[in-house]
Amino acid sequence: MQARHSDIQAASNVFELPVGQVIFEGNLCTLTVPDLISILMAPNYTAAEDGNIYDWSTVGRVKVMGINDVR
């Protein structure tokens, strides 16, 4: 858990995360490390003014919304 948190803090965006699979659903992103953990994240910004979905390649700060064990 601590290692994944460090990875998230060090990355400029979710595409730079070194471990796991990233899945996007609108303005939510799930990082899944197989057989270990999944982390649900959202941009740590106010909602987009026009209601559009964020471009995740430009999101540099995230808010962790949930953590689940996937074993």
C-alpha atoms as a PDB file:
ATOM      1  CA  MET A   1       0.000   0.000   0.000  1.00  0.00           C
ATOM      2  CA  GLN A   2       2.718   2.454   0.959  1.00  0.00           C
ATOM      3  CA  ALA A   3       4.685   1.632  -2.202  1.00  0.00           C
ATOM      4  CA  ARG A   4       1.645   2.308  -4.426  1.00  0.00           C
ATOM      5  CA  HIS A   5       1.004   5.595  -2.599  1.00  0.00           C
ATOM      6  CA  SER A   6       4.610   6.611  -3.249  1.00  0.00           C
ATOM      7  CA  ASP A   7       4.211   5.672  -6.932  1.00  0.00           C
ATOM      8  CA  ILE A   8       1.089   7.836  -7.228  1.00  0.00           C
ATOM      9  CA  GLN A   9       2.799  10.812  -5.578  1.00  0.00           C
ATOM     10  CA  ALA A  10       5.891  10.527  -7.773  1.00  0.00           C
ATOM     11  CA  ALA A  11       4.064  10.187 -11.101  1.00  0.00           C
ATOM     12  CA  SER A  12       3.237  13.276 -13.161  1.00  0.00           C
ATOM     13  CA  ASN A  13       0.045  11.537 -14.329  1.00  0.00           C
ATOM     14  CA  VAL A  14      -1.544   8.066 -14.081  1.00  0.00           C
ATOM     15  CA  PHE A  15       0.068   6.947 -17.339  1.00  0.00           C
ATOM     16  CA  GLU A  16       3.474   7.084 -15.599  1.00  0.00           C
ATOM     17  CA  LEU A  17       2.534   4.608 -12.868  1.00  0.00           C
ATOM     18  CA  PRO A  18       5.109   1.792 -12.992  1.00  0.00           C
ATOM     19  CA  VAL A  19       2.925  -1.068 -11.727  1.00  0.00           C
ATOM     20  CA  GLY A  20      -0.625  -2.194 -12.392  1.00  0.00           C
ATOM     21  CA  GLN A  21      -3.424  -1.747 -14.890  1.00  0.00           C
ATOM     22  CA  VAL A  22      -5.244   1.581 -15.168  1.00  0.00           C
ATOM     23  CA  ILE A  23      -8.938   1.618 -16.133  1.00  0.00           C
ATOM     24  CA  PHE A  24     -10.931   4.810 -16.718  1.00  0.00           C
ATOM     25  CA  GLU A  25     -14.647   5.316 -16.137  1.00  0.00           C
ATOM     26  CA  GLY A  26     -15.518   8.950 -16.752  1.00  0.00           C
ATOM     27  CA  ASN A  27     -13.777  11.088 -14.150  1.00  0.00           C
ATOM     28  CA  LEU A  28     -12.776   8.060 -12.088  1.00  0.00           C
ATOM     29  CA  CYS A  29      -9.656   5.966 -12.537  1.00  0.00           C
ATOM     30  CA  THR A  30      -8.893   2.570 -11.016  1.00  0.00           C
ATOM     31  CA  LEU A  31      -5.346   1.311 -10.588  1.00  0.00           C
ATOM     32  CA  THR A  32      -5.352  -2.472 -10.149  1.00  0.00           C
ATOM     33  CA  VAL A  33      -2.291  -4.422  -9.125  1.00  0.00           C
ATOM     34  CA  PRO A  34      -3.277  -8.047  -9.923  1.00  0.00           C
ATOM     35  CA  ASP A  35      -3.812 -10.303  -6.910  1.00  0.00           C
ATOM     36  CA  LEU A  36      -3.073  -7.468  -4.520  1.00  0.00           C
ATOM     37  CA  ILE A  37      -4.960  -4.158  -4.459  1.00  0.00           C
ATOM     38  CA  SER A  38      -7.163  -1.786  -6.435  1.00  0.00           C
ATOM     39  CA  ILE A  39      -7.188   1.965  -5.830  1.00  0.00           C
ATOM     40  CA  LEU A  40     -10.058   4.161  -7.043  1.00  0.00           C
ATOM     41  CA  MET A  41      -9.007   7.751  -7.784  1.00  0.00           C
ATOM     42  CA  ALA A  42     -10.583  10.994  -8.986  1.00  0.00           C
ATOM     43  CA  PRO A  43      -8.923  14.251 -10.079  1.00  0.00           C
ATOM     44  CA  ASN A  44      -8.222  16.461  -7.075  1.00  0.00           C
ATOM     45  CA  TYR A  45      -9.661  19.484  -8.853  1.00  0.00           C
ATOM     46  CA  THR A  46     -13.053  21.112  -8.916  1.00  0.00           C
ATOM     47  CA  ALA A  47     -15.500  19.630 -11.427  1.00  0.00           C
ATOM     48  CA  ALA A  48     -14.958  20.588 -15.045  1.00  0.00           C
ATOM     49  CA  GLU A  49     -16.974  23.703 -15.801  1.00  0.00           C
ATOM     50  CA  ASP A  50     -18.762  22.261 -18.806  1.00  0.00           C
ATOM     51  CA  GLY A  51     -19.271  18.813 -17.256  1.00  0.00           C
ATOM     52  CA  ASN A  52     -16.765  17.199 -19.607  1.00  0.00           C
ATOM     53  CA  ILE A  53     -14.485  14.346 -18.636  1.00  0.00           C
ATOM     54  CA  TYR A  54     -10.946  15.250 -17.607  1.00  0.00           C
ATOM     55  CA  ASP A  55      -8.027  14.469 -19.880  1.00  0.00           C
ATOM     56  CA  TRP A  56      -6.176  12.092 -17.554  1.00  0.00           C
ATOM     57  CA  SER A  57      -2.843  12.835 -19.231  1.00  0.00           C
ATOM     58  CA  THR A  58      -3.068  16.336 -17.713  1.00  0.00           C
ATOM     59  CA  VAL A  59      -4.204  15.309 -14.206  1.00  0.00           C
ATOM     60  CA  GLY A  60      -1.281  15.697 -11.810  1.00  0.00           C
ATOM     61  CA  ARG A  61      -3.123  15.495  -8.486  1.00  0.00           C
ATOM     62  CA  VAL A  62      -5.577  12.782  -7.511  1.00  0.00           C
ATOM     63  CA  LYS A  63      -7.879  12.087  -4.606  1.00  0.00           C
ATOM     64  CA  VAL A  64      -8.011   8.471  -3.422  1.00  0.00           C
ATOM     65  CA  MET A  65     -11.698   7.508  -3.272  1.00  0.00           C
ATOM     66  CA  GLY A  66     -11.338   3.879  -2.227  1.00  0.00           C
ATOM     67  CA  ILE A  67      -8.955   0.998  -1.675  1.00  0.00           C
ATOM     68  CA  ASN A  68      -9.911  -2.648  -2.116  1.00  0.00           C
ATOM     69  CA  ASP A  69      -8.160  -5.976  -1.622  1.00  0.00           C
ATOM     70  CA  VAL A  70      -8.385  -8.064  -4.828  1.00  0.00           C
ATOM     71  CA  ARG A  71      -7.079 -11.390  -3.533  1.00  0.00           C
END
